[in-house]
Amino acid sequence: MFNLENKRIVVGITGGIAAYKTIELIRLLRKAQAQVRVVLTPAAAEFVTPLTLQAISGNAVAQSLLDPQAELAMGHIELAKWADAVLIAPASADFIARLTVGMANDLLSTICLATNAPILLAPAMNQQMYRQTITQQNLTALLSRGIQTIGPNSGEQACGDVGAGRMSEPSEIFTALCHHFSTQQDLVGLNVAITAGPTREAIDPVRYISNHSSGKMGVAIADAFVKRGANVTLIAGPVNLATPNNVNRVDVTSTQEMWQTALESAVKIIFLLAARPWQITV
């Protein structure tokens, strides 16, 4: 069992159907002896009630940036300084976009702008919204600034669509947060590129030669490096594996593509070969 004794966690909840899962997440945090204070956006209050969150967290729920009583003590700054980590679950597409450009037009976004604590996001949105180029660019920008993401998962969504965008399960988010606190961060600032999986070389438009490399070792190495604070680029052949949280993945098919991507990366980073490329020469 993980122990988060006396860790001070600000849990931000934004508007989305996945907000109901955050109640279980808070229960897990409290069970691990963390101190939890909840910040609820106006949209989130349409999905879960402050009274429920207060009962589960053991603290009053903060909702308004313009609360006269809270702001007597500069409440938004107080919470920003109090936190050992800010965990936003679910993190909607709208909130991710506002966080990317540094907006501070509600209590939660203001806390994120004012805090020096690490920020972790558990994205949750429709699969089409998640796949949009602008959303992916926003997530990449946040990752480059040290903001971590947890998930999302793939599967059936509330609207009936199937795809990536489901918020990670509370147990997965809890475990990721525990790893954040327990993992030695001795590789912060180090840039690492890792190759993983097979390559495919076309014989003709229908056939190709490849091998049985699964890519699992490369993905595991990438996960280990990122958990120790490194900036990781995973150059992956055609494999059906999930990308570890906070890893920048580049998909390739041929040996030439893998080689070229690796060369471009190797100018300024540590390079680890965990792939099994295959190339035909005539």
Protein backbone atom coordinates (compact mmCIF):
# COMPACT_ATOMS: atom_id res chain seq x y z
CA MET A 1 0.00 0.00 0.00
CA PHE A 2 1.35 3.42 -0.94
CA ASN A 3 1.73 5.98 1.81
CA LEU A 4 1.18 9.67 1.09
CA GLU A 5 1.24 10.70 4.74
CA ASN A 6 1.06 14.49 5.09
CA LYS A 7 1.40 15.06 1.34
CA ARG A 8 -0.74 18.06 0.48
CA ILE A 9 -2.72 17.53 -2.70
CA VAL A 10 -4.91 20.11 -4.40
CA VAL A 11 -7.40 18.15 -6.50
CA GLY A 12 -8.89 20.26 -9.29
CA ILE A 13 -12.08 19.06 -10.96
CA THR A 14 -13.18 20.49 -14.30
CA GLY A 15 -16.46 20.01 -16.15
CA GLY A 16 -16.94 16.54 -17.59
CA ILE A 17 -18.90 13.36 -17.03
CA ALA A 18 -15.76 11.69 -15.64
CA ALA A 19 -15.93 14.01 -12.61
CA TYR A 20 -17.85 11.35 -10.68
CA LYS A 21 -14.71 9.15 -10.72
CA THR A 22 -12.77 11.79 -8.82
CA ILE A 23 -14.78 11.03 -5.69
CA GLU A 24 -13.16 7.57 -5.57
CA LEU A 25 -9.75 9.10 -6.32
CA ILE A 26 -10.09 11.42 -3.32
CA ARG A 27 -11.07 8.47 -1.15
CA LEU A 28 -7.88 6.65 -2.19
CA LEU A 29 -5.77 9.72 -1.42
CA ARG A 30 -7.32 10.09 2.03
CA LYS A 31 -6.86 6.38 2.73
CA ALA A 32 -3.15 6.84 1.95
CA GLN A 33 -3.12 9.65 4.56
CA ALA A 34 -2.77 12.54 2.13
CA GLN A 35 -4.24 15.93 2.93
CA VAL A 36 -6.70 16.86 0.19
CA ARG A 37 -8.27 20.17 -0.73
CA VAL A 38 -10.67 20.25 -3.64
CA VAL A 39 -11.08 23.07 -6.16
CA LEU A 40 -14.23 22.86 -8.26
CA THR A 41 -14.82 24.80 -11.48
CA PRO A 42 -18.34 26.11 -12.16
CA ALA A 43 -18.84 23.52 -14.91
CA ALA A 44 -17.68 20.71 -12.63
CA ALA A 45 -20.31 21.69 -10.06
CA GLU A 46 -22.92 20.61 -12.62
CA PHE A 47 -21.63 17.03 -12.35
CA VAL A 48 -20.62 16.59 -8.68
CA THR A 49 -21.75 18.48 -5.59
CA PRO A 50 -19.53 20.44 -3.20
CA LEU A 51 -21.20 18.73 -0.23
CA THR A 52 -20.16 15.27 -1.43
CA LEU A 53 -16.59 16.39 -2.08
CA GLN A 54 -16.39 18.11 1.30
CA ALA A 55 -17.52 14.94 3.06
CA ILE A 56 -15.00 12.76 1.20
CA SER A 57 -12.04 15.16 1.42
CA GLY A 58 -12.60 16.38 4.95
CA ASN A 59 -12.15 20.01 3.88
CA ALA A 60 -14.35 22.76 2.53
CA VAL A 61 -14.47 22.90 -1.26
CA ALA A 62 -13.07 26.01 -2.97
CA GLN A 63 -15.08 27.22 -5.94
CA SER A 64 -14.83 30.94 -6.56
CA LEU A 65 -11.89 33.21 -7.27
CA LEU A 66 -14.04 36.06 -5.96
CA ASP A 67 -15.06 34.50 -2.63
CA PRO A 68 -14.75 37.46 -0.19
CA GLN A 69 -14.14 35.26 2.86
CA ALA A 70 -11.44 33.11 1.24
CA GLU A 71 -9.75 36.07 -0.40
CA LEU A 72 -9.31 37.84 2.93
CA ALA A 73 -6.31 35.52 3.21
CA MET A 74 -5.55 35.62 -0.55
CA GLY A 75 -7.08 32.17 -0.91
CA HIS A 76 -5.83 31.42 -4.41
CA ILE A 77 -2.23 32.19 -3.42
CA GLU A 78 -2.60 30.31 -0.14
CA LEU A 79 -3.70 27.15 -1.95
CA ALA A 80 -0.96 27.55 -4.55
CA LYS A 81 1.68 27.71 -1.81
CA TRP A 82 0.07 24.99 0.32
CA ALA A 83 0.17 22.29 -2.36
CA ASP A 84 2.85 19.63 -2.71
CA ALA A 85 1.12 18.71 -5.98
CA VAL A 86 -1.82 19.95 -8.04
CA LEU A 87 -3.77 17.08 -9.58
CA ILE A 88 -6.48 17.93 -12.11
CA ALA A 89 -8.88 15.09 -12.78
CA PRO A 90 -10.70 15.26 -15.05
CA ALA A 91 -8.84 17.84 -17.13
CA SER A 92 -11.18 18.95 -19.91
CA ALA A 93 -10.08 20.07 -23.37
CA ASP A 94 -11.14 23.62 -22.48
CA PHE A 95 -9.07 23.69 -19.28
CA ILE A 96 -6.03 22.21 -21.03
CA ALA A 97 -6.27 24.92 -23.70
CA ARG A 98 -6.56 27.69 -21.10
CA LEU A 99 -3.69 26.28 -19.07
CA THR A 100 -1.50 26.16 -22.19
CA VAL A 101 -1.84 29.88 -22.84
CA GLY A 102 -1.51 30.85 -19.18
CA MET A 103 -5.04 32.09 -18.57
CA ALA A 104 -6.09 32.78 -14.98
CA ASN A 105 -9.80 33.51 -15.25
CA ASP A 106 -11.07 31.14 -12.55
CA LEU A 107 -9.78 29.81 -9.23
CA LEU A 108 -8.25 26.59 -10.57
CA SER A 109 -6.37 28.17 -13.48
CA THR A 110 -5.13 30.93 -11.15
CA ILE A 111 -3.78 28.35 -8.70
CA CYS A 112 -1.99 26.57 -11.56
CA LEU A 113 -0.38 29.82 -12.66
CA ALA A 114 0.66 30.77 -9.12
CA THR A 115 1.98 27.45 -7.81
CA ASN A 116 5.53 26.13 -7.81
CA ALA A 117 4.23 22.62 -7.10
CA PRO A 118 4.20 19.98 -9.85
CA ILE A 119 0.99 19.85 -11.88
CA LEU A 120 -0.47 16.55 -13.08
CA LEU A 121 -3.36 16.28 -15.54
CA ALA A 122 -5.74 13.40 -16.18
CA PRO A 123 -7.27 14.38 -19.55
CA ALA A 124 -10.86 13.41 -20.28
CA MET A 125 -12.80 14.30 -23.41
CA ASN A 126 -14.46 12.94 -26.53
CA GLN A 127 -12.08 10.95 -28.70
CA GLN A 128 -12.41 13.38 -31.61
CA MET A 129 -11.60 16.33 -29.36
CA TYR A 130 -8.59 14.47 -28.00
CA ARG A 131 -7.30 13.64 -31.50
CA GLN A 132 -7.55 17.23 -32.74
CA THR A 133 -4.19 18.71 -33.70
CA ILE A 134 -4.66 21.69 -31.39
CA THR A 135 -5.31 19.45 -28.38
CA GLN A 136 -2.21 17.40 -29.11
CA GLN A 137 -0.17 20.58 -29.55
CA ASN A 138 -1.47 21.87 -26.22
CA LEU A 139 -0.51 18.66 -24.44
CA THR A 140 2.94 18.69 -26.03
CA ALA A 141 3.45 22.31 -24.95
CA LEU A 142 2.43 21.49 -21.38
CA LEU A 143 4.72 18.46 -21.35
CA SER A 144 7.64 20.65 -22.46
CA ARG A 145 6.95 22.88 -19.45
CA GLY A 146 7.12 19.97 -17.04
CA ILE A 147 3.39 19.39 -16.59
CA GLN A 148 2.71 15.67 -16.43
CA THR A 149 -0.20 13.78 -17.97
CA ILE A 150 -1.83 10.58 -16.76
CA GLY A 151 -3.66 8.78 -19.55
CA PRO A 152 -6.11 9.05 -21.13
CA ASN A 153 -7.33 5.51 -21.72
CA SER A 154 -9.09 4.16 -24.79
CA GLY A 155 -12.52 2.58 -24.78
CA GLU A 156 -16.23 3.27 -25.00
CA GLN A 157 -17.20 6.82 -24.08
CA ALA A 158 -20.35 8.32 -22.61
CA CYS A 159 -21.44 9.57 -26.05
CA GLY A 160 -21.11 6.08 -27.52
CA ASP A 161 -17.87 6.74 -29.40
CA VAL A 162 -14.93 4.38 -28.97
CA GLY A 163 -11.38 5.71 -28.80
CA ALA A 164 -8.80 7.54 -26.72
CA GLY A 165 -10.06 10.16 -24.30
CA ARG A 166 -11.49 8.26 -21.33
CA MET A 167 -10.09 9.49 -18.04
CA SER A 168 -7.74 6.97 -16.44
CA GLU A 169 -9.27 4.95 -13.63
CA PRO A 170 -8.91 6.41 -10.11
CA SER A 171 -6.54 3.60 -9.10
CA GLU A 172 -4.29 4.37 -12.09
CA ILE A 173 -4.20 8.08 -11.30
CA PHE A 174 -3.50 7.34 -7.64
CA THR A 175 -0.63 4.99 -8.53
CA ALA A 176 0.88 7.55 -10.93
CA LEU A 177 0.78 10.23 -8.23
CA CYS A 178 2.43 7.87 -5.73
CA HIS A 179 5.17 7.09 -8.25
CA HIS A 180 5.68 10.82 -8.72
CA PHE A 181 6.49 11.21 -5.05
CA SER A 182 8.46 8.00 -4.63
CA THR A 183 10.58 7.92 -7.79
CA GLN A 184 14.09 9.29 -7.66
CA GLN A 185 14.19 12.33 -9.96
CA ASP A 186 17.91 12.15 -10.80
CA LEU A 187 17.59 12.51 -14.59
CA VAL A 188 15.78 15.85 -14.74
CA GLY A 189 16.96 17.84 -17.77
CA LEU A 190 18.40 14.81 -19.57
CA ASN A 191 17.11 14.22 -23.13
CA VAL A 192 16.86 10.57 -24.18
CA ALA A 193 15.81 8.90 -27.45
CA ILE A 194 14.84 5.23 -27.47
CA THR A 195 13.98 3.03 -30.44
CA ALA A 196 11.48 0.22 -30.03
CA GLY A 197 9.85 -2.47 -32.12
CA PRO A 198 10.34 -3.86 -35.62
CA THR A 199 10.59 -2.14 -38.97
CA ARG A 200 8.98 -3.17 -42.24
CA GLU A 201 10.67 -3.26 -45.64
CA ALA A 202 8.37 -3.45 -48.63
CA ILE A 203 8.93 -6.12 -51.27
CA ASP A 204 6.09 -4.78 -53.41
CA PRO A 205 2.89 -2.81 -52.71
CA VAL A 206 1.34 -5.84 -50.95
CA ARG A 207 4.17 -7.72 -49.20
CA TYR A 208 6.85 -6.74 -46.72
CA ILE A 209 9.58 -8.34 -44.63
CA SER A 210 9.60 -7.75 -40.88
CA ASN A 211 10.30 -9.61 -37.61
CA HIS A 212 8.61 -10.47 -34.33
CA SER A 213 10.05 -7.68 -32.18
CA SER A 214 7.29 -6.63 -29.76
CA GLY A 215 8.73 -3.27 -28.72
CA LYS A 216 7.99 -4.04 -25.07
CA MET A 217 11.58 -3.61 -23.91
CA GLY A 218 11.94 -0.18 -25.54
CA VAL A 219 8.63 1.00 -24.08
CA ALA A 220 9.65 -0.26 -20.63
CA ILE A 221 12.98 1.57 -20.88
CA ALA A 222 11.19 4.76 -21.94
CA ASP A 223 8.84 4.46 -18.99
CA ALA A 224 11.75 3.98 -16.56
CA PHE A 225 13.62 7.02 -17.88
CA VAL A 226 10.61 9.34 -17.81
CA LYS A 227 9.74 8.32 -14.25
CA ARG A 228 13.22 9.47 -13.21
CA GLY A 229 12.66 12.89 -14.75
CA ALA A 230 14.20 12.58 -18.23
CA ASN A 231 12.69 14.08 -21.38
CA VAL A 232 12.08 10.99 -23.50
CA THR A 233 11.48 10.55 -27.24
CA LEU A 234 10.30 7.06 -28.21
CA ILE A 235 10.95 6.18 -31.87
CA ALA A 236 8.56 3.29 -32.40
CA GLY A 237 8.13 0.87 -35.26
CA PRO A 238 4.70 -0.62 -35.98
CA VAL A 239 3.75 -1.90 -32.52
CA ASN A 240 0.40 -2.00 -30.75
CA LEU A 241 1.56 -0.69 -27.37
CA ALA A 242 0.38 2.22 -25.26
CA THR A 243 2.75 5.16 -24.94
CA PRO A 244 3.94 5.74 -21.35
CA ASN A 245 2.74 8.95 -19.74
CA ASN A 246 4.83 12.04 -20.60
CA VAL A 247 6.77 10.30 -23.39
CA ASN A 248 6.97 11.97 -26.83
CA ARG A 249 6.36 9.21 -29.39
CA VAL A 250 7.40 9.27 -33.05
CA ASP A 251 5.97 6.43 -35.17
CA VAL A 252 8.02 5.08 -38.08
CA THR A 253 7.70 2.13 -40.45
CA SER A 254 10.92 1.51 -42.37
CA THR A 255 14.51 1.14 -41.21
CA GLN A 256 15.42 4.29 -43.13
CA GLU A 257 12.74 6.27 -41.28
CA MET A 258 13.93 4.94 -37.93
CA TRP A 259 17.56 5.69 -38.79
CA GLN A 260 16.80 9.21 -40.01
CA THR A 261 14.68 10.04 -36.95
CA ALA A 262 17.37 8.64 -34.68
CA LEU A 263 20.08 10.69 -36.40
CA GLU A 264 18.04 13.87 -36.02
CA SER A 265 17.57 13.12 -32.33
CA ALA A 266 21.09 11.88 -31.59
CA VAL A 267 22.67 15.28 -32.16
CA LYS A 268 21.69 16.43 -28.69
CA ILE A 269 20.52 13.42 -26.69
CA ILE A 270 21.45 10.05 -25.28
CA PHE A 271 20.40 7.35 -27.74
CA LEU A 272 19.37 3.83 -26.73
CA LEU A 273 18.72 1.13 -29.31
CA ALA A 274 16.05 -1.32 -28.22
CA ALA A 275 14.58 -2.01 -31.66
CA ARG A 276 15.08 -4.84 -34.12
CA PRO A 277 15.28 -3.12 -37.51
CA TRP A 278 15.26 -5.12 -40.73
CA GLN A 279 16.46 -3.80 -44.05
CA ILE A 280 16.87 -5.33 -47.49
CA THR A 281 19.82 -4.23 -49.59
CA VAL A 282 20.18 -5.16 -53.24
